[in-house]
Amino acid sequence: MRLNPIFCFFFSVLALTVDSHPASYPSKAIYLLTNNAENAIVGVPIHKNGLLGDAQATLTGGTGERALLNDGQLAGPDSLFSQGAVAVTEEYIFAVNPGCNTLSMLRHDKTSLSKLTLVGEPAKIPGDFPNTVAVSVKGRLVCVGTTGTMAGVSCTTYDKHGLGSFDDLRPFELGQSTPPVGPANTVSQVLFSADESVLYATVKGDGTANNTGHLSVFPVLYGDSPETPPTLSREDTRSSPNGTGLLFGSAIIPSSDTILVTDPGFGAAVLSVNRSTHEAGLVAKTIIPGQTATCWAAYSAETNSIFVTDVAVNRLVELDAVDARILRITSLFNHDPGLVDLVVVDRLVYALSPGNGTTDAAITVFDIEKNQQVQHYSLKALGVGPAAMGMAYLEL
């Protein structure tokens, strides 16, 4: 049952702690979304040796909700059909609440990055089923993608007091329901370019020739003075690169005009975005053997490569950042059904497996240099299950 957004404001903030062994190293942490009915952010500190420490779950003040599969069953793992359900800055964590169409903003404790406090009230979004969020530090602008009946992109500014009012929805005509049925024909991700001059949005097609999905590019409009808050253009440029159809998760490739985008129909593609016209074209395409649903991507500065994950295959695939060729495929033997959102921190990959109801939710920590798993961190004690999504990294 979906709750009226007004009820989202009355959930209290609750913290749960799970034991770990080494002392916490407070300058790094990762965050994920439970997407439970009482939605929560789980903050997990990263020790100096890269292993994960004591985690805490903090309620967002909003409600989670799972999308539906074509057979009417609840989706999960991959409950939101998206990448980027959580976003961070040096000060704040942002989280979508799909069950009540709001966005929450939380502040971390600088002495304990896993300890969070809600800032203000969750802000109402003029769309249905928010499933992805991106934040611009330069513009103090946060944008959300929604993929329900009213699908599209909406943005607002933020400050130390909380979130402002979201602007009118920039619509995507998907003809969806709330909750959405997918994963095809849904919004996948919103993310800002490296220089924060544009916002990208990936939208999946439905597998037909008339609906191949697209990449939208929205310019960010900065004011003439620092006092003038930026806004996102109402107009976007849409491209459907040849050979793609289900554009999903993305990774920005630094010092270039290219992004790597996953496509569960075949694997991954590198797209080039023209700085003047904002049109996107196909640079390279890689078919990943044995893949079922390659959907999430993260860039590694250590190796100048991209790691991608598959919700139904328990392995990590490393791709070249220039031409998407496969560099290595590493199978994991920890009984996870597959992996979703991930981040890469130095030489370590942190990848979320929400489980499937019979296996526990967990985070795999993978050492790139050693080419092996170094930790399998259970999230069961925190109430994390198949609905969990998102992964964001913070370093102070």
Protein backbone atom coordinates (compact mmCIF):
# COMPACT_ATOMS: atom_id res chain seq x y z
CA MET A 1 0.00 0.00 0.00
CA ARG A 2 1.33 3.46 -0.90
CA LEU A 3 1.30 6.09 1.84
CA ASN A 4 0.33 9.73 1.51
CA PRO A 5 3.52 11.85 1.57
CA ILE A 6 2.34 13.66 4.72
CA PHE A 7 2.71 10.44 6.70
CA CYS A 8 6.33 10.18 5.60
CA PHE A 9 7.23 13.11 7.84
CA PHE A 10 6.34 11.37 11.07
CA PHE A 11 8.72 8.43 11.03
CA SER A 12 11.31 8.88 13.75
CA VAL A 13 15.00 8.40 13.17
CA LEU A 14 16.23 5.03 14.34
CA ALA A 15 19.77 3.71 14.46
CA LEU A 16 20.80 0.08 14.60
CA THR A 17 24.35 -1.17 15.02
CA VAL A 18 25.97 -4.41 13.91
CA ASP A 19 29.21 -5.66 15.43
CA SER A 20 32.51 -5.75 13.59
CA HIS A 21 36.12 -6.40 14.55
CA PRO A 22 38.68 -3.65 13.84
CA ALA A 23 38.43 -0.08 15.13
CA SER A 24 36.59 2.25 12.78
CA TYR A 25 38.49 4.58 10.45
CA PRO A 26 36.15 7.58 10.22
CA SER A 27 37.23 9.32 7.00
CA LYS A 28 35.58 6.94 4.49
CA ALA A 29 32.15 5.35 4.28
CA ILE A 30 29.63 3.86 1.89
CA TYR A 31 25.85 4.29 1.97
CA LEU A 32 22.97 2.23 0.62
CA LEU A 33 19.16 2.31 0.71
CA THR A 34 17.08 -0.42 2.36
CA ASN A 35 13.95 0.57 0.38
CA ASN A 36 11.87 -1.11 3.08
CA ALA A 37 8.40 0.17 4.01
CA GLU A 38 10.12 2.26 6.68
CA ASN A 39 12.89 3.38 4.42
CA ALA A 40 16.41 3.76 5.78
CA ILE A 41 19.96 4.63 4.80
CA VAL A 42 22.66 2.23 5.95
CA GLY A 43 26.02 3.87 6.56
CA VAL A 44 29.06 1.60 6.66
CA PRO A 45 32.47 3.05 7.62
CA ILE A 46 35.57 1.86 5.81
CA HIS A 47 38.60 0.99 7.94
CA LYS A 48 42.09 2.11 7.06
CA ASN A 49 42.74 -1.37 5.62
CA GLY A 50 39.69 -1.05 3.36
CA LEU A 51 37.49 -3.51 5.24
CA LEU A 52 34.02 -2.52 6.43
CA GLY A 53 33.24 -1.64 10.04
CA ASP A 54 30.25 -1.03 12.31
CA ALA A 55 27.18 -0.11 10.26
CA GLN A 56 24.18 1.95 11.30
CA ALA A 57 20.73 2.28 9.75
CA THR A 58 18.92 5.62 9.93
CA LEU A 59 15.31 6.07 8.86
CA THR A 60 14.81 8.54 6.03
CA GLY A 61 11.41 9.75 7.23
CA GLY A 62 9.89 8.27 4.08
CA THR A 63 8.67 4.98 2.68
CA GLY A 64 10.21 2.56 0.26
CA GLU A 65 8.40 0.59 -2.40
CA ARG A 66 9.31 -2.11 -4.90
CA ALA A 67 8.55 -2.03 -8.60
CA LEU A 68 6.71 -4.90 -10.28
CA LEU A 69 7.90 -7.51 -12.73
CA ASN A 70 5.90 -8.33 -15.85
CA ASP A 71 4.26 -11.27 -14.07
CA GLY A 72 3.02 -9.00 -11.29
CA GLN A 73 5.55 -10.19 -8.71
CA LEU A 74 7.46 -7.69 -6.60
CA ALA A 75 10.87 -6.86 -8.04
CA GLY A 76 13.85 -7.62 -5.88
CA PRO A 77 16.71 -7.88 -6.19
CA ASP A 78 16.76 -4.80 -8.47
CA SER A 79 13.67 -3.42 -6.77
CA LEU A 80 13.88 0.04 -8.39
CA PHE A 81 15.17 -0.81 -11.91
CA SER A 82 17.80 1.89 -11.42
CA GLN A 83 21.30 2.95 -10.47
CA GLY A 84 21.89 5.80 -8.04
CA ALA A 85 19.14 5.59 -5.40
CA VAL A 86 21.57 7.36 -3.04
CA ALA A 87 23.85 10.36 -3.64
CA VAL A 88 26.38 12.11 -1.37
CA THR A 89 28.35 15.32 -0.96
CA GLU A 90 30.99 16.09 1.67
CA GLU A 91 28.20 17.19 4.00
CA TYR A 92 24.99 15.42 3.06
CA ILE A 93 23.40 12.17 1.94
CA PHE A 94 20.33 12.17 -0.33
CA ALA A 95 17.91 9.24 -0.61
CA VAL A 96 14.79 8.57 -2.67
CA ASN A 97 11.55 7.41 -1.06
CA PRO A 98 9.62 5.64 -3.85
CA GLY A 99 6.61 4.82 -1.68
CA CYS A 100 5.67 8.43 -0.94
CA ASN A 101 7.31 10.40 -3.77
CA THR A 102 9.78 12.32 -1.63
CA LEU A 103 13.52 12.90 -1.29
CA SER A 104 15.29 12.87 2.08
CA MET A 105 18.42 14.78 3.01
CA LEU A 106 20.58 13.63 5.91
CA ARG A 107 23.73 14.99 7.54
CA HIS A 108 26.58 12.77 8.72
CA ASP A 109 28.54 13.10 11.92
CA LYS A 110 32.13 13.96 10.96
CA THR A 111 33.46 11.87 13.82
CA SER A 112 31.30 8.88 12.84
CA LEU A 113 30.30 8.85 9.19
CA SER A 114 27.76 6.07 9.67
CA LYS A 115 25.80 8.19 12.16
CA LEU A 116 23.22 10.25 10.26
CA THR A 117 20.62 12.89 11.15
CA LEU A 118 17.65 13.91 9.03
CA VAL A 119 17.83 17.55 7.87
CA GLY A 120 14.40 19.14 7.65
CA GLU A 121 11.51 17.16 6.24
CA PRO A 122 11.53 14.98 3.11
CA ALA A 123 10.67 17.13 0.09
CA LYS A 124 7.70 16.30 -2.13
CA ILE A 125 8.60 15.45 -5.73
CA PRO A 126 6.12 16.28 -8.55
CA GLY A 127 6.40 12.82 -10.04
CA ASP A 128 5.71 9.21 -9.15
CA PHE A 129 8.11 6.55 -7.90
CA PRO A 130 11.46 8.37 -7.58
CA ASN A 131 14.21 5.82 -8.15
CA THR A 132 17.44 7.74 -8.86
CA VAL A 133 19.09 10.93 -7.57
CA ALA A 134 22.12 13.05 -8.53
CA VAL A 135 23.68 16.03 -6.76
CA SER A 136 25.79 18.93 -8.06
CA VAL A 137 28.13 20.32 -5.41
CA LYS A 138 29.07 23.26 -7.62
CA GLY A 139 25.46 24.35 -8.02
CA ARG A 140 24.07 22.93 -4.76
CA LEU A 141 21.46 21.41 -7.03
CA VAL A 142 19.86 18.00 -6.61
CA CYS A 143 17.86 16.25 -9.34
CA VAL A 144 15.63 13.18 -9.13
CA GLY A 145 14.36 10.79 -11.77
CA THR A 146 10.85 9.36 -11.40
CA THR A 147 9.54 6.37 -13.32
CA GLY A 148 5.90 5.85 -12.32
CA THR A 149 2.73 7.25 -13.89
CA MET A 150 4.28 10.72 -13.86
CA ALA A 151 7.81 9.98 -15.06
CA GLY A 152 10.58 12.48 -15.66
CA VAL A 153 13.18 14.70 -13.97
CA SER A 154 12.70 17.34 -11.28
CA CYS A 155 15.27 19.42 -9.37
CA THR A 156 15.69 21.66 -6.34
CA THR A 157 18.45 23.43 -4.43
CA TYR A 158 19.62 22.57 -0.93
CA ASP A 159 21.34 24.31 1.98
CA LYS A 160 22.12 23.63 5.63
CA HIS A 161 18.42 23.87 6.49
CA GLY A 162 17.34 21.20 4.02
CA LEU A 163 15.79 20.86 0.59
CA GLY A 164 13.93 23.55 -1.31
CA SER A 165 10.77 23.02 -3.35
CA PHE A 166 11.14 20.83 -6.42
CA ASP A 167 10.45 22.46 -9.78
CA ASP A 168 7.98 21.21 -12.38
CA LEU A 169 8.59 17.78 -13.84
CA ARG A 170 10.41 17.49 -17.16
CA PRO A 171 8.30 14.60 -18.42
CA PHE A 172 9.21 11.32 -20.07
CA GLU A 173 6.16 9.86 -21.79
CA LEU A 174 6.54 6.24 -20.71
CA GLY A 175 2.90 5.34 -20.18
CA GLN A 176 3.89 3.64 -16.93
CA SER A 177 1.92 2.76 -13.81
CA THR A 178 2.70 3.36 -10.15
CA PRO A 179 4.48 1.26 -9.09
CA PRO A 180 6.07 0.76 -12.50
CA VAL A 181 6.16 -2.55 -14.33
CA GLY A 182 9.52 -3.44 -15.81
CA PRO A 183 12.41 -3.40 -15.91
CA ALA A 184 11.93 -2.32 -19.55
CA ASN A 185 10.44 1.11 -20.31
CA THR A 186 11.65 2.78 -17.11
CA VAL A 187 14.01 5.58 -16.07
CA SER A 188 17.40 4.10 -15.17
CA GLN A 189 19.67 6.82 -13.81
CA VAL A 190 20.32 10.53 -13.51
CA LEU A 191 23.90 11.75 -13.09
CA PHE A 192 25.83 14.97 -13.58
CA SER A 193 28.78 15.25 -15.94
CA ALA A 194 32.23 15.59 -14.37
CA ASP A 195 32.18 19.39 -14.78
CA GLU A 196 28.52 19.55 -13.68
CA SER A 197 27.55 21.44 -16.83
CA VAL A 198 24.89 18.91 -17.87
CA LEU A 199 22.69 16.24 -16.35
CA TYR A 200 22.45 12.87 -18.07
CA ALA A 201 19.39 10.64 -17.81
CA THR A 202 19.27 7.10 -19.15
CA VAL A 203 15.87 5.67 -20.09
CA LYS A 204 15.23 2.06 -21.08
CA GLY A 205 13.17 1.17 -24.12
CA ASP A 206 10.65 -1.65 -24.22
CA GLY A 207 12.46 -3.91 -26.67
CA THR A 208 10.47 -2.86 -29.73
CA ALA A 209 11.75 -1.06 -32.80
CA ASN A 210 9.65 2.00 -31.97
CA ASN A 211 10.95 2.34 -28.42
CA THR A 212 14.69 1.84 -28.12
CA GLY A 213 15.11 4.07 -25.09
CA HIS A 214 17.40 7.08 -25.01
CA LEU A 215 20.04 9.17 -23.31
CA SER A 216 18.77 12.63 -22.34
CA VAL A 217 21.16 15.54 -21.85
CA PHE A 218 19.89 18.56 -19.88
CA PRO A 219 22.14 21.67 -19.67
CA VAL A 220 22.62 23.22 -16.22
CA LEU A 221 21.86 26.95 -16.35
CA TYR A 222 24.12 28.91 -14.01
CA GLY A 223 23.26 32.48 -13.00
CA ASP A 224 25.37 35.59 -13.59
CA SER A 225 26.33 35.79 -9.92
CA PRO A 226 26.98 33.31 -7.10
CA GLU A 227 23.79 34.52 -5.42
CA THR A 228 21.69 33.29 -8.35
CA PRO A 229 20.89 29.60 -7.89
CA PRO A 230 21.34 27.38 -10.94
CA THR A 231 18.46 25.61 -12.63
CA LEU A 232 18.19 22.68 -14.99
CA SER A 233 17.07 23.42 -18.54
CA ARG A 234 13.49 22.52 -19.35
CA GLU A 235 14.68 21.16 -22.71
CA ASP A 236 16.79 18.07 -23.25
CA THR A 237 18.55 16.52 -26.21
CA ARG A 238 17.63 12.87 -26.70
CA SER A 239 19.72 10.28 -28.51
CA SER A 240 19.13 6.59 -29.14
CA PRO A 241 22.60 5.29 -30.10
CA ASN A 242 22.65 2.51 -32.68
CA GLY A 243 22.60 -0.98 -31.22
CA THR A 244 21.34 0.03 -27.77
CA GLY A 245 17.86 -0.42 -26.37
CA LEU A 246 17.90 -0.79 -22.58
CA LEU A 247 20.33 1.87 -21.37
CA PHE A 248 20.80 1.38 -17.64
CA GLY A 249 23.65 2.31 -15.27
CA SER A 250 26.45 4.66 -16.26
CA ALA A 251 29.96 5.67 -15.33
CA ILE A 252 31.55 8.99 -16.27
CA ILE A 253 34.96 8.54 -17.89
CA PRO A 254 37.17 11.39 -16.59
CA SER A 255 38.89 13.89 -18.90
CA SER A 256 36.75 12.89 -21.86
CA ASP A 257 33.35 13.45 -23.43
CA THR A 258 32.46 9.79 -23.06
CA ILE A 259 30.42 7.70 -20.68
CA LEU A 260 30.11 3.96 -20.36
CA VAL A 261 26.52 2.75 -20.17
CA THR A 262 25.35 -0.76 -19.42
CA ASP A 263 22.62 -2.42 -21.48
CA PRO A 264 21.19 -5.69 -20.15
CA GLY A 265 20.34 -6.67 -23.70
CA PHE A 266 24.01 -7.36 -24.48
CA GLY A 267 26.50 -5.88 -22.00
CA ALA A 268 27.90 -2.35 -22.24
CA ALA A 269 28.63 0.51 -24.62
CA VAL A 270 30.82 3.60 -24.66
CA LEU A 271 28.96 6.72 -25.80
CA SER A 272 30.44 10.04 -26.88
CA VAL A 273 28.44 13.19 -26.10
CA ASN A 274 29.00 16.23 -28.33
CA ARG A 275 29.68 19.30 -26.16
CA SER A 276 27.89 21.65 -28.55
CA THR A 277 24.87 19.68 -29.72
CA HIS A 278 24.62 17.31 -26.72
CA GLU A 279 23.90 14.47 -29.11
CA ALA A 280 25.28 11.06 -28.16
CA GLY A 281 26.80 8.50 -30.49
CA LEU A 282 28.11 4.96 -30.16
CA VAL A 283 31.90 4.67 -29.82
CA ALA A 284 32.18 1.00 -28.86
CA LYS A 285 29.94 -1.88 -27.89
CA THR A 286 30.81 -5.05 -26.02
CA ILE A 287 28.77 -8.23 -25.79
CA ILE A 288 29.51 -9.81 -22.41
CA PRO A 289 29.37 -13.62 -22.63
CA GLY A 290 27.08 -15.36 -20.18
CA GLN A 291 25.46 -12.15 -19.03
CA THR A 292 21.82 -12.04 -17.98
CA ALA A 293 21.27 -8.46 -16.84
CA THR A 294 24.39 -6.29 -16.80
CA CYS A 295 22.99 -3.10 -15.28
CA TRP A 296 25.41 -1.27 -12.94
CA ALA A 297 28.76 0.39 -13.54
CA ALA A 298 31.52 2.12 -11.56
CA TYR A 299 34.77 3.74 -12.70
CA SER A 300 38.14 2.78 -11.21
CA ALA A 301 40.71 5.59 -11.21
CA GLU A 302 43.31 3.08 -10.05
CA THR A 303 43.09 1.07 -13.28
CA ASN A 304 41.28 3.49 -15.65
CA SER A 305 38.66 0.82 -16.16
CA ILE A 306 35.00 0.17 -15.45
CA PHE A 307 33.57 -2.59 -13.28
CA VAL A 308 30.06 -3.79 -14.13
CA THR A 309 27.69 -6.13 -12.31
CA ASP A 310 24.83 -8.45 -13.18
CA VAL A 311 21.86 -9.01 -10.86
CA ALA A 312 21.61 -12.67 -11.87
CA VAL A 313 25.30 -13.64 -12.21
CA ASN A 314 27.63 -13.52 -9.20
CA ARG A 315 30.75 -12.05 -10.74
CA LEU A 316 32.60 -8.81 -11.51
CA VAL A 317 33.43 -7.87 -15.09
CA GLU A 318 36.16 -5.31 -15.76
CA LEU A 319 35.98 -3.30 -19.00
CA ASP A 320 38.44 -0.96 -20.65
CA ALA A 321 37.29 2.66 -20.23
CA VAL A 322 38.17 3.59 -23.81
CA ASP A 323 36.65 0.82 -25.92
CA ALA A 324 34.72 -1.33 -23.39
CA ARG A 325 36.71 -4.47 -24.25
CA ILE A 326 36.67 -7.10 -21.54
CA LEU A 327 39.79 -7.06 -19.35
CA ARG A 328 38.76 -9.78 -16.91
CA ILE A 329 35.81 -11.70 -15.56
CA THR A 330 36.03 -12.81 -11.94
CA SER A 331 33.45 -15.23 -10.59
CA LEU A 332 32.65 -15.04 -6.89
CA PHE A 333 31.90 -18.05 -4.72
CA ASN A 334 30.03 -16.57 -1.75
CA HIS A 335 26.53 -17.85 -2.64
CA ASP A 336 25.19 -14.41 -3.60
CA PRO A 337 22.69 -14.64 -6.50
CA GLY A 338 24.24 -11.61 -8.21
CA LEU A 339 25.29 -8.01 -7.64
CA VAL A 340 23.70 -4.59 -8.14
CA ASP A 341 25.05 -1.11 -7.24
CA LEU A 342 28.77 -0.74 -6.63
CA VAL A 343 31.58 1.76 -6.03
CA VAL A 344 35.33 1.53 -6.49
CA VAL A 345 37.59 3.04 -3.82
CA ASP A 346 41.31 2.94 -4.55
CA ARG A 347 42.06 -0.74 -5.27
CA LEU A 348 38.83 -2.09 -3.73
CA VAL A 349 35.39 -2.72 -5.22
CA TYR A 350 32.37 -2.59 -2.89
CA ALA A 351 29.36 -4.31 -4.49
CA LEU A 352 25.88 -4.81 -3.06
CA SER A 353 23.95 -8.05 -3.27
CA PRO A 354 20.41 -7.56 -1.89
CA GLY A 355 19.92 -11.31 -1.72
CA ASN A 356 16.74 -12.91 -2.98
CA GLY A 357 14.81 -13.79 0.16
CA THR A 358 16.65 -17.06 0.70
CA THR A 359 20.16 -15.57 0.71
CA ASP A 360 21.10 -12.65 2.97
CA ALA A 361 21.87 -9.17 1.72
CA ALA A 362 25.61 -8.52 1.77
CA ILE A 363 28.43 -6.35 0.46
CA THR A 364 31.30 -8.01 -1.35
CA VAL A 365 34.68 -6.31 -0.94
CA PHE A 366 36.95 -7.23 -3.85
CA ASP A 367 40.66 -6.46 -4.09
CA ILE A 368 41.53 -5.50 -7.68
CA GLU A 369 45.26 -6.14 -7.27
CA LYS A 370 44.82 -9.53 -5.60
CA ASN A 371 41.90 -10.40 -7.90
CA GLN A 372 39.98 -11.89 -5.00
CA GLN A 373 37.25 -11.24 -2.47
CA VAL A 374 38.67 -9.98 0.84
CA GLN A 375 35.42 -9.55 2.79
CA HIS A 376 31.78 -10.63 2.56
CA TYR A 377 29.87 -8.29 4.86
CA SER A 378 26.39 -9.44 5.93
CA LEU A 379 23.64 -6.81 6.22
CA LYS A 380 21.04 -9.14 7.74
CA ALA A 381 21.25 -7.68 11.26
CA LEU A 382 20.29 -4.27 9.89
CA GLY A 383 17.08 -5.49 8.30
CA VAL A 384 18.42 -5.15 4.77
CA GLY A 385 16.80 -7.47 2.24
CA PRO A 386 15.91 -7.98 -1.43
CA ALA A 387 14.54 -4.44 -1.83
CA ALA A 388 17.92 -2.80 -1.09
CA MET A 389 19.43 -0.56 -3.76
CA GLY A 390 22.02 2.16 -4.24
CA MET A 391 25.65 2.61 -3.31
CA ALA A 392 27.45 5.92 -2.72
CA TYR A 393 30.92 6.64 -1.38
CA LEU A 394 32.14 9.47 0.86
CA GLU A 395 35.70 10.43 1.77
CA LEU A 396 36.57 13.38 3.99
